């Protein structure tokens, strides 16, 4: 993690039907499509509302979706690195609940 990224923290979070918006401590707001994070995209509105900060606001965790997103990856424009096989298994598990 670069020093500059390490100093930036999340301040606020908003989720729309198709976007994740994170306000940062340096004044920027980053908006990314939910399609970058398939678990968020396929989660219910209630599941998306259930989140918490990771560490000192270095990331965001959705326990109901088993999804973690770091501020660093948002700044670097990196979508989810989850494999298609892993995501498929996750979807299949959800279908049996």
N, C-alpha and C. Protein backbone atom coordinates (compact mmCIF):
# COMPACT_ATOMS: atom_id res chain seq x y z
N UNK A 1 0.85 -1.17 0.00
CA UNK A 1 0.00 0.00 0.00
C UNK A 1 0.90 1.23 0.00
N UNK A 2 0.64 2.17 -0.89
CA UNK A 2 1.45 3.38 -0.93
C UNK A 2 1.12 4.27 0.26
N UNK A 3 2.05 5.14 0.61
CA UNK A 3 1.86 6.04 1.75
C UNK A 3 0.65 6.93 1.54
N UNK A 4 0.48 7.46 0.33
CA UNK A 4 -0.64 8.35 0.05
C UNK A 4 -1.98 7.62 0.25
N UNK A 5 -2.09 6.41 -0.26
CA UNK A 5 -3.32 5.66 -0.10
C UNK A 5 -3.55 5.31 1.36
N UNK A 6 -2.48 5.01 2.08
CA UNK A 6 -2.60 4.63 3.49
C UNK A 6 -3.17 5.76 4.34
N UNK A 7 -2.99 6.99 3.93
CA UNK A 7 -3.47 8.14 4.70
C UNK A 7 -4.93 8.47 4.43
N UNK A 8 -5.49 7.95 3.37
CA UNK A 8 -6.87 8.25 2.98
C UNK A 8 -7.81 7.23 3.62
N UNK A 9 -8.88 7.73 4.20
CA UNK A 9 -9.86 6.88 4.85
C UNK A 9 -11.25 7.17 4.29
N UNK A 10 -12.13 6.20 4.41
CA UNK A 10 -13.52 6.40 4.02
C UNK A 10 -14.21 7.26 5.08
N UNK A 11 -15.08 8.14 4.64
CA UNK A 11 -15.83 9.00 5.55
C UNK A 11 -17.32 8.70 5.55
N UNK A 12 -17.83 8.35 4.37
CA UNK A 12 -19.25 8.09 4.23
C UNK A 12 -19.45 7.09 3.10
N UNK A 13 -20.59 6.41 3.14
CA UNK A 13 -20.89 5.40 2.15
C UNK A 13 -22.35 5.52 1.74
N UNK A 14 -22.60 5.42 0.44
CA UNK A 14 -23.96 5.39 -0.07
C UNK A 14 -24.02 4.32 -1.16
N UNK A 15 -25.14 3.62 -1.20
CA UNK A 15 -25.33 2.58 -2.21
C UNK A 15 -26.65 2.87 -2.92
N UNK A 16 -26.58 2.99 -4.23
CA UNK A 16 -27.78 3.16 -5.04
C UNK A 16 -28.11 1.81 -5.68
N UNK A 17 -29.09 1.78 -6.53
CA UNK A 17 -29.46 0.53 -7.21
C UNK A 17 -28.33 0.01 -8.11
N UNK A 18 -27.46 0.92 -8.56
CA UNK A 18 -26.41 0.48 -9.48
C UNK A 18 -25.02 1.00 -9.18
N UNK A 19 -24.84 1.72 -8.06
CA UNK A 19 -23.53 2.29 -7.76
C UNK A 19 -23.18 2.23 -6.27
N UNK A 20 -21.88 2.22 -6.02
CA UNK A 20 -21.34 2.36 -4.68
C UNK A 20 -20.60 3.70 -4.66
N UNK A 21 -20.94 4.55 -3.70
CA UNK A 21 -20.32 5.88 -3.60
C UNK A 21 -19.65 5.98 -2.25
N UNK A 22 -18.35 6.25 -2.25
CA UNK A 22 -17.59 6.37 -1.02
C UNK A 22 -16.93 7.75 -0.98
N UNK A 23 -17.25 8.51 0.06
CA UNK A 23 -16.61 9.81 0.28
C UNK A 23 -15.34 9.56 1.07
N UNK A 24 -14.25 10.20 0.65
CA UNK A 24 -12.95 9.98 1.27
C UNK A 24 -12.52 11.17 2.13
N UNK A 25 -11.59 10.90 3.02
CA UNK A 25 -11.11 11.92 3.96
C UNK A 25 -10.36 13.05 3.28
N UNK A 26 -9.90 12.84 2.05
CA UNK A 26 -9.19 13.91 1.33
C UNK A 26 -10.11 14.77 0.48
N UNK A 27 -11.43 14.56 0.61
CA UNK A 27 -12.40 15.38 -0.11
C UNK A 27 -12.94 14.76 -1.38
N UNK A 28 -12.32 13.71 -1.86
CA UNK A 28 -12.82 13.06 -3.07
C UNK A 28 -14.00 12.15 -2.75
N UNK A 29 -14.80 11.92 -3.77
CA UNK A 29 -15.85 10.90 -3.72
C UNK A 29 -15.58 9.96 -4.88
N UNK A 30 -15.64 8.68 -4.60
CA UNK A 30 -15.41 7.68 -5.64
C UNK A 30 -16.72 6.93 -5.86
N UNK A 31 -17.15 6.89 -7.11
CA UNK A 31 -18.36 6.16 -7.49
C UNK A 31 -17.95 5.04 -8.43
N UNK A 32 -18.35 3.83 -8.08
CA UNK A 32 -18.06 2.68 -8.93
C UNK A 32 -19.36 1.91 -9.16
N UNK A 33 -19.46 1.22 -10.28
CA UNK A 33 -20.67 0.44 -10.55
C UNK A 33 -20.75 -0.78 -9.64
N UNK A 34 -21.95 -1.13 -9.19
CA UNK A 34 -22.11 -2.34 -8.40
C UNK A 34 -21.68 -3.57 -9.18
N UNK A 35 -21.72 -3.49 -10.50
CA UNK A 35 -21.28 -4.61 -11.33
C UNK A 35 -19.83 -4.99 -11.05
N UNK A 36 -19.04 -4.06 -10.51
CA UNK A 36 -17.67 -4.38 -10.14
C UNK A 36 -17.62 -5.36 -8.97
N UNK A 37 -18.69 -5.41 -8.20
CA UNK A 37 -18.76 -6.25 -7.00
C UNK A 37 -20.04 -7.10 -7.10
N UNK A 38 -19.96 -8.22 -7.80
CA UNK A 38 -21.16 -9.02 -8.07
C UNK A 38 -21.95 -9.42 -6.82
N UNK A 39 -21.28 -9.64 -5.71
CA UNK A 39 -22.03 -10.01 -4.50
C UNK A 39 -22.92 -8.85 -4.06
N UNK A 40 -22.41 -7.64 -4.17
CA UNK A 40 -23.25 -6.48 -3.84
C UNK A 40 -24.38 -6.35 -4.85
N UNK A 41 -24.06 -6.53 -6.10
CA UNK A 41 -25.07 -6.39 -7.15
C UNK A 41 -26.19 -7.42 -6.99
N UNK A 42 -25.86 -8.63 -6.56
CA UNK A 42 -26.86 -9.68 -6.40
C UNK A 42 -27.47 -9.71 -5.00
N UNK A 43 -26.96 -8.91 -4.10
CA UNK A 43 -27.52 -8.85 -2.76
C UNK A 43 -28.81 -8.06 -2.72
N UNK A 44 -29.57 -8.28 -1.68
CA UNK A 44 -30.80 -7.52 -1.50
C UNK A 44 -30.48 -6.14 -0.94
N UNK A 45 -31.43 -5.25 -1.01
CA UNK A 45 -31.24 -3.91 -0.44
C UNK A 45 -30.93 -4.01 1.05
N UNK A 46 -31.59 -4.92 1.74
CA UNK A 46 -31.34 -5.10 3.18
C UNK A 46 -29.92 -5.59 3.43
N UNK A 47 -29.45 -6.53 2.62
CA UNK A 47 -28.08 -7.04 2.78
C UNK A 47 -27.06 -5.95 2.50
N UNK A 48 -27.33 -5.10 1.52
CA UNK A 48 -26.40 -4.00 1.21
C UNK A 48 -26.36 -2.96 2.31
N UNK A 49 -27.48 -2.80 3.03
CA UNK A 49 -27.54 -1.82 4.11
C UNK A 49 -26.77 -2.27 5.35
N UNK A 50 -26.52 -3.56 5.45
CA UNK A 50 -25.85 -4.13 6.61
C UNK A 50 -24.35 -4.20 6.35
N UNK A 51 -23.63 -3.15 6.71
CA UNK A 51 -22.19 -3.08 6.48
C UNK A 51 -21.52 -2.44 7.70
N UNK A 52 -20.19 -2.57 7.74
CA UNK A 52 -19.40 -1.93 8.80
C UNK A 52 -18.04 -1.54 8.23
N UNK A 53 -17.40 -0.59 8.90
CA UNK A 53 -16.05 -0.19 8.50
C UNK A 53 -15.06 -1.28 8.91
N UNK A 54 -14.02 -1.43 8.13
CA UNK A 54 -12.91 -2.32 8.47
C UNK A 54 -11.77 -1.46 8.99
N UNK A 55 -11.20 -1.87 10.11
CA UNK A 55 -10.06 -1.14 10.68
C UNK A 55 -10.41 0.30 10.95
N UNK A 56 -9.49 1.17 10.62
CA UNK A 56 -9.66 2.61 10.81
C UNK A 56 -10.25 3.22 9.54
N UNK A 57 -11.42 2.67 9.12
CA UNK A 57 -12.11 3.10 7.89
C UNK A 57 -11.25 2.88 6.65
N UNK A 58 -10.48 1.79 6.69
CA UNK A 58 -9.63 1.43 5.55
C UNK A 58 -10.38 0.58 4.53
N UNK A 59 -11.57 0.15 4.90
CA UNK A 59 -12.36 -0.68 4.01
C UNK A 59 -13.76 -0.83 4.54
N UNK A 60 -14.56 -1.61 3.81
CA UNK A 60 -15.96 -1.82 4.14
C UNK A 60 -16.23 -3.32 4.09
N UNK A 61 -17.02 -3.81 5.05
CA UNK A 61 -17.36 -5.23 5.11
C UNK A 61 -18.87 -5.39 5.16
N UNK A 62 -19.38 -6.31 4.32
CA UNK A 62 -20.79 -6.69 4.31
C UNK A 62 -20.87 -8.12 4.82
N UNK A 63 -21.21 -8.33 6.10
CA UNK A 63 -21.20 -9.68 6.65
C UNK A 63 -22.21 -10.62 5.99
N UNK A 64 -23.38 -10.13 5.63
CA UNK A 64 -24.40 -10.99 5.02
C UNK A 64 -24.02 -11.44 3.62
N UNK A 65 -23.12 -10.70 2.98
CA UNK A 65 -22.71 -11.02 1.61
C UNK A 65 -21.28 -11.56 1.55
N UNK A 66 -20.59 -11.58 2.69
CA UNK A 66 -19.20 -12.00 2.76
C UNK A 66 -18.35 -11.23 1.74
N UNK A 67 -18.53 -9.90 1.72
CA UNK A 67 -17.83 -9.02 0.77
C UNK A 67 -17.01 -8.00 1.55
N UNK A 68 -15.77 -7.80 1.11
CA UNK A 68 -14.88 -6.78 1.67
C UNK A 68 -14.34 -5.95 0.52
N UNK A 69 -14.35 -4.63 0.70
CA UNK A 69 -13.79 -3.72 -0.30
C UNK A 69 -12.87 -2.75 0.41
N UNK A 70 -11.65 -2.65 -0.06
CA UNK A 70 -10.70 -1.72 0.56
C UNK A 70 -10.76 -0.36 -0.12
N UNK A 71 -10.45 0.67 0.65
CA UNK A 71 -10.36 2.02 0.10
C UNK A 71 -9.27 2.04 -0.97
N UNK A 72 -8.18 1.34 -0.70
CA UNK A 72 -7.08 1.31 -1.68
C UNK A 72 -7.55 0.80 -3.03
N UNK A 73 -8.30 -0.30 -3.06
CA UNK A 73 -8.78 -0.83 -4.33
C UNK A 73 -9.75 0.12 -5.01
N UNK A 74 -10.56 0.82 -4.24
CA UNK A 74 -11.45 1.83 -4.83
C UNK A 74 -10.63 2.93 -5.49
N UNK A 75 -9.63 3.43 -4.79
CA UNK A 75 -8.79 4.51 -5.34
C UNK A 75 -8.07 4.04 -6.60
N UNK A 76 -7.60 2.79 -6.59
CA UNK A 76 -6.86 2.26 -7.74
C UNK A 76 -7.77 1.78 -8.87
N UNK A 77 -9.08 1.83 -8.64
CA UNK A 77 -10.03 1.41 -9.69
C UNK A 77 -10.02 -0.07 -9.93
N UNK A 78 -9.81 -0.86 -8.88
CA UNK A 78 -9.76 -2.31 -9.03
C UNK A 78 -11.08 -2.95 -8.61
N UNK A 79 -11.77 -3.59 -9.54
CA UNK A 79 -13.00 -4.30 -9.18
C UNK A 79 -12.70 -5.58 -8.41
N UNK A 80 -13.73 -6.29 -8.05
CA UNK A 80 -13.58 -7.55 -7.32
C UNK A 80 -12.64 -8.50 -8.04
N UNK A 81 -11.82 -9.18 -7.27
CA UNK A 81 -10.91 -10.16 -7.85
C UNK A 81 -11.42 -11.58 -7.70
N UNK A 82 -12.69 -11.72 -7.29
CA UNK A 82 -13.25 -13.05 -7.08
C UNK A 82 -13.37 -13.80 -8.40
N UNK A 83 -13.01 -15.06 -8.38
CA UNK A 83 -13.10 -15.86 -9.60
C UNK A 83 -14.56 -16.16 -9.94
N UNK A 84 -14.80 -16.46 -11.19
CA UNK A 84 -16.14 -16.82 -11.64
C UNK A 84 -16.63 -18.08 -10.93
N UNK A 85 -15.73 -19.05 -10.72
CA UNK A 85 -16.12 -20.29 -10.03
C UNK A 85 -16.55 -20.00 -8.60
N UNK A 86 -15.81 -19.17 -7.90
CA UNK A 86 -16.15 -18.82 -6.53
C UNK A 86 -17.49 -18.10 -6.47
N UNK A 87 -17.69 -17.17 -7.37
CA UNK A 87 -18.95 -16.43 -7.40
C UNK A 87 -20.13 -17.35 -7.73
N UNK A 88 -19.93 -18.26 -8.67
CA UNK A 88 -20.98 -19.22 -9.04
C UNK A 88 -21.36 -20.07 -7.83
N UNK A 89 -20.36 -20.56 -7.09
CA UNK A 89 -20.65 -21.37 -5.89
C UNK A 89 -21.42 -20.55 -4.87
N UNK A 90 -21.05 -19.29 -4.70
CA UNK A 90 -21.75 -18.40 -3.76
C UNK A 90 -23.21 -18.23 -4.16
N UNK A 91 -23.45 -18.01 -5.46
CA UNK A 91 -24.84 -17.88 -5.95
C UNK A 91 -25.62 -19.16 -5.72
N UNK A 92 -24.98 -20.31 -5.97
CA UNK A 92 -25.66 -21.58 -5.76
C UNK A 92 -26.02 -21.80 -4.30
N UNK A 93 -25.13 -21.43 -3.41
CA UNK A 93 -25.40 -21.54 -1.96
C UNK A 93 -26.58 -20.65 -1.56
N UNK A 94 -26.64 -19.46 -2.12
CA UNK A 94 -27.74 -18.54 -1.81
C UNK A 94 -29.08 -19.12 -2.28
N UNK A 95 -29.07 -19.81 -3.40
CA UNK A 95 -30.30 -20.36 -3.95
C UNK A 95 -30.87 -21.46 -3.06
N UNK A 96 -30.03 -22.10 -2.25
CA UNK A 96 -30.50 -23.17 -1.39
C UNK A 96 -30.97 -22.68 -0.03
N UNK A 97 -30.75 -21.40 0.26
CA UNK A 97 -31.16 -20.86 1.57
C UNK A 97 -32.63 -20.56 1.63
